[in-house]
Amino acid sequence: MTDKKTLLVAQLCITFMMALSMSGIMGLLVMGPTAEWLQAWPRQFITAWPIAFVLTLFTGRIGFAIAHRLVHPTA
């Protein structure tokens, strides 16, 4: 089992990378590769990251439980 400090730092890193990439990709799909997209991306990321982090605090345990049941169905 991973200690709580490592898990928290991992959640910060993972949500940072996911919010950065998803806000960029989704904005690119909606706006296209424009100057407006590049201008809007940082604001979208700053909005998305805290939301993603808070959501992982609740959904992380559920995701690990589902994964454990899928990998070890009889345990």
N, C-alpha and C. Protein backbone atom coordinates (compact mmCIF):
# COMPACT_ATOMS: atom_id res chain seq x y z
N MET A 1 0.85 -1.19 0.00
CA MET A 1 0.00 0.00 0.00
C MET A 1 0.89 1.24 0.00
N THR A 2 0.50 2.24 -0.73
CA THR A 2 1.25 3.48 -0.83
C THR A 2 0.90 4.38 0.35
N ASP A 3 1.94 5.05 0.89
CA ASP A 3 1.67 5.95 2.01
C ASP A 3 0.88 7.18 1.54
N LYS A 4 0.23 7.84 2.48
CA LYS A 4 -0.69 8.94 2.14
C LYS A 4 0.02 10.13 1.49
N LYS A 5 1.24 10.43 1.93
CA LYS A 5 1.97 11.57 1.37
C LYS A 5 2.30 11.31 -0.11
N THR A 6 2.76 10.10 -0.42
CA THR A 6 3.07 9.75 -1.81
C THR A 6 1.81 9.77 -2.65
N LEU A 7 0.71 9.27 -2.12
CA LEU A 7 -0.55 9.27 -2.85
C LEU A 7 -1.02 10.69 -3.15
N LEU A 8 -0.88 11.59 -2.18
CA LEU A 8 -1.27 12.99 -2.39
C LEU A 8 -0.42 13.66 -3.47
N VAL A 9 0.91 13.44 -3.40
CA VAL A 9 1.80 14.02 -4.41
C VAL A 9 1.49 13.43 -5.79
N ALA A 10 1.21 12.12 -5.84
CA ALA A 10 0.85 11.49 -7.11
C ALA A 10 -0.43 12.09 -7.66
N GLN A 11 -1.43 12.32 -6.80
CA GLN A 11 -2.68 12.93 -7.25
C GLN A 11 -2.43 14.34 -7.79
N LEU A 12 -1.57 15.09 -7.14
CA LEU A 12 -1.24 16.43 -7.65
C LEU A 12 -0.59 16.34 -9.03
N CYS A 13 0.36 15.43 -9.19
CA CYS A 13 1.06 15.29 -10.47
C CYS A 13 0.14 14.79 -11.57
N ILE A 14 -0.64 13.76 -11.26
CA ILE A 14 -1.52 13.17 -12.26
C ILE A 14 -2.60 14.16 -12.68
N THR A 15 -3.22 14.83 -11.72
CA THR A 15 -4.27 15.79 -12.08
C THR A 15 -3.70 16.99 -12.83
N PHE A 16 -2.48 17.39 -12.49
CA PHE A 16 -1.82 18.47 -13.24
C PHE A 16 -1.68 18.08 -14.70
N MET A 17 -1.12 16.89 -14.95
CA MET A 17 -0.88 16.45 -16.32
C MET A 17 -2.19 16.23 -17.07
N MET A 18 -3.17 15.65 -16.41
CA MET A 18 -4.45 15.40 -17.08
C MET A 18 -5.20 16.70 -17.37
N ALA A 19 -5.23 17.61 -16.41
CA ALA A 19 -5.93 18.88 -16.63
C ALA A 19 -5.23 19.69 -17.72
N LEU A 20 -3.91 19.69 -17.72
CA LEU A 20 -3.16 20.42 -18.75
C LEU A 20 -3.45 19.85 -20.13
N SER A 21 -3.34 18.53 -20.26
CA SER A 21 -3.54 17.93 -21.58
C SER A 21 -5.00 17.97 -22.02
N MET A 22 -5.93 17.66 -21.12
CA MET A 22 -7.34 17.64 -21.52
C MET A 22 -7.88 19.04 -21.82
N SER A 23 -7.49 20.04 -21.03
CA SER A 23 -7.96 21.40 -21.33
C SER A 23 -7.40 21.87 -22.67
N GLY A 24 -6.16 21.51 -22.95
CA GLY A 24 -5.55 21.88 -24.23
C GLY A 24 -6.19 21.17 -25.40
N ILE A 25 -6.38 19.85 -25.26
CA ILE A 25 -6.96 19.07 -26.35
C ILE A 25 -8.42 19.46 -26.60
N MET A 26 -9.21 19.56 -25.55
CA MET A 26 -10.62 19.89 -25.74
C MET A 26 -10.78 21.32 -26.30
N GLY A 27 -9.97 22.24 -25.81
CA GLY A 27 -10.01 23.60 -26.36
C GLY A 27 -9.61 23.62 -27.83
N LEU A 28 -8.61 22.83 -28.17
CA LEU A 28 -8.15 22.74 -29.56
C LEU A 28 -9.25 22.18 -30.46
N LEU A 29 -9.95 21.16 -29.96
CA LEU A 29 -11.04 20.58 -30.76
C LEU A 29 -12.17 21.58 -30.98
N VAL A 30 -12.47 22.38 -29.98
CA VAL A 30 -13.57 23.34 -30.09
C VAL A 30 -13.17 24.57 -30.89
N MET A 31 -11.98 25.12 -30.61
CA MET A 31 -11.58 26.40 -31.18
C MET A 31 -10.67 26.28 -32.39
N GLY A 32 -10.02 25.13 -32.53
CA GLY A 32 -9.03 24.97 -33.59
C GLY A 32 -7.71 25.60 -33.18
N PRO A 33 -6.68 25.36 -33.97
CA PRO A 33 -5.34 25.89 -33.64
C PRO A 33 -5.22 27.39 -33.93
N THR A 34 -5.80 28.18 -33.04
CA THR A 34 -5.83 29.63 -33.24
C THR A 34 -5.12 30.34 -32.10
N ALA A 35 -4.89 31.61 -32.28
CA ALA A 35 -4.30 32.42 -31.21
C ALA A 35 -5.24 32.51 -30.02
N GLU A 36 -6.55 32.52 -30.29
CA GLU A 36 -7.54 32.56 -29.21
C GLU A 36 -7.48 31.30 -28.35
N TRP A 37 -7.26 30.15 -28.99
CA TRP A 37 -7.12 28.89 -28.26
C TRP A 37 -5.91 28.96 -27.33
N LEU A 38 -4.79 29.41 -27.85
CA LEU A 38 -3.59 29.52 -27.02
C LEU A 38 -3.79 30.51 -25.87
N GLN A 39 -4.55 31.54 -26.11
CA GLN A 39 -4.81 32.54 -25.08
C GLN A 39 -5.77 32.00 -24.01
N ALA A 40 -6.72 31.18 -24.40
CA ALA A 40 -7.72 30.65 -23.47
C ALA A 40 -7.22 29.45 -22.68
N TRP A 41 -6.27 28.69 -23.22
CA TRP A 41 -5.82 27.44 -22.60
C TRP A 41 -5.34 27.61 -21.17
N PRO A 42 -4.49 28.57 -20.84
CA PRO A 42 -4.05 28.69 -19.44
C PRO A 42 -5.21 28.91 -18.46
N ARG A 43 -6.17 29.71 -18.84
CA ARG A 43 -7.33 29.97 -17.97
C ARG A 43 -8.15 28.69 -17.79
N GLN A 44 -8.33 27.95 -18.86
CA GLN A 44 -9.07 26.69 -18.79
C GLN A 44 -8.33 25.69 -17.90
N PHE A 45 -7.01 25.64 -18.03
CA PHE A 45 -6.22 24.74 -17.20
C PHE A 45 -6.31 25.11 -15.72
N ILE A 46 -6.18 26.39 -15.42
CA ILE A 46 -6.23 26.85 -14.02
C ILE A 46 -7.60 26.54 -13.41
N THR A 47 -8.63 26.55 -14.21
CA THR A 47 -9.97 26.17 -13.74
C THR A 47 -10.07 24.65 -13.57
N ALA A 48 -9.53 23.91 -14.51
CA ALA A 48 -9.69 22.46 -14.52
C ALA A 48 -8.87 21.74 -13.45
N TRP A 49 -7.67 22.23 -13.15
CA TRP A 49 -6.79 21.49 -12.24
C TRP A 49 -7.38 21.32 -10.84
N PRO A 50 -7.83 22.37 -10.17
CA PRO A 50 -8.39 22.14 -8.83
C PRO A 50 -9.63 21.26 -8.86
N ILE A 51 -10.43 21.39 -9.91
CA ILE A 51 -11.61 20.54 -10.01
C ILE A 51 -11.19 19.07 -10.14
N ALA A 52 -10.23 18.81 -10.99
CA ALA A 52 -9.73 17.44 -11.17
C ALA A 52 -9.15 16.89 -9.88
N PHE A 53 -8.41 17.71 -9.15
CA PHE A 53 -7.79 17.25 -7.91
C PHE A 53 -8.86 16.88 -6.88
N VAL A 54 -9.84 17.74 -6.70
CA VAL A 54 -10.90 17.47 -5.72
C VAL A 54 -11.68 16.22 -6.12
N LEU A 55 -11.96 16.07 -7.40
CA LEU A 55 -12.69 14.89 -7.85
C LEU A 55 -11.91 13.61 -7.58
N THR A 56 -10.58 13.63 -7.74
CA THR A 56 -9.80 12.42 -7.49
C THR A 56 -9.79 12.05 -6.01
N LEU A 57 -9.98 13.01 -5.14
CA LEU A 57 -10.05 12.68 -3.72
C LEU A 57 -11.23 11.76 -3.44
N PHE A 58 -12.31 11.93 -4.20
CA PHE A 58 -13.50 11.10 -4.01
C PHE A 58 -13.51 9.87 -4.91
N THR A 59 -13.08 10.03 -6.15
CA THR A 59 -13.18 8.92 -7.09
C THR A 59 -11.98 7.99 -7.07
N GLY A 60 -10.87 8.43 -6.51
CA GLY A 60 -9.67 7.60 -6.48
C GLY A 60 -9.88 6.28 -5.77
N ARG A 61 -10.49 6.32 -4.60
CA ARG A 61 -10.73 5.10 -3.84
C ARG A 61 -11.68 4.16 -4.58
N ILE A 62 -12.69 4.75 -5.21
CA ILE A 62 -13.63 3.93 -5.98
C ILE A 62 -12.91 3.26 -7.15
N GLY A 63 -12.08 4.02 -7.84
CA GLY A 63 -11.33 3.47 -8.97
C GLY A 63 -10.39 2.35 -8.55
N PHE A 64 -9.69 2.53 -7.41
CA PHE A 64 -8.81 1.47 -6.92
C PHE A 64 -9.61 0.24 -6.52
N ALA A 65 -10.78 0.43 -5.91
CA ALA A 65 -11.62 -0.70 -5.50
C ALA A 65 -12.11 -1.47 -6.73
N ILE A 66 -12.54 -0.76 -7.76
CA ILE A 66 -12.99 -1.42 -8.99
C ILE A 66 -11.84 -2.17 -9.64
N ALA A 67 -10.68 -1.54 -9.72
CA ALA A 67 -9.51 -2.18 -10.31
C ALA A 67 -9.14 -3.44 -9.54
N HIS A 68 -9.17 -3.37 -8.22
CA HIS A 68 -8.83 -4.53 -7.40
C HIS A 68 -9.80 -5.68 -7.67
N ARG A 69 -11.08 -5.37 -7.77
CA ARG A 69 -12.09 -6.41 -8.04
C ARG A 69 -11.94 -7.00 -9.44
N LEU A 70 -11.55 -6.17 -10.39
CA LEU A 70 -11.34 -6.67 -11.74
C LEU A 70 -10.11 -7.57 -11.84
N VAL A 71 -9.05 -7.18 -11.14
CA VAL A 71 -7.80 -7.95 -11.19
C VAL A 71 -7.88 -9.19 -10.30
N HIS A 72 -8.54 -9.06 -9.15
CA HIS A 72 -8.67 -10.16 -8.19
C HIS A 72 -10.14 -10.44 -7.93
N PRO A 73 -10.87 -11.03 -8.88
CA PRO A 73 -12.33 -11.17 -8.74
C PRO A 73 -12.77 -12.07 -7.59
N THR A 74 -11.93 -12.98 -7.14
CA THR A 74 -12.33 -13.89 -6.07
C THR A 74 -11.86 -13.46 -4.70
N ALA A 75 -11.07 -12.40 -4.63
CA ALA A 75 -10.52 -11.97 -3.35
C ALA A 75 -11.51 -11.17 -2.54
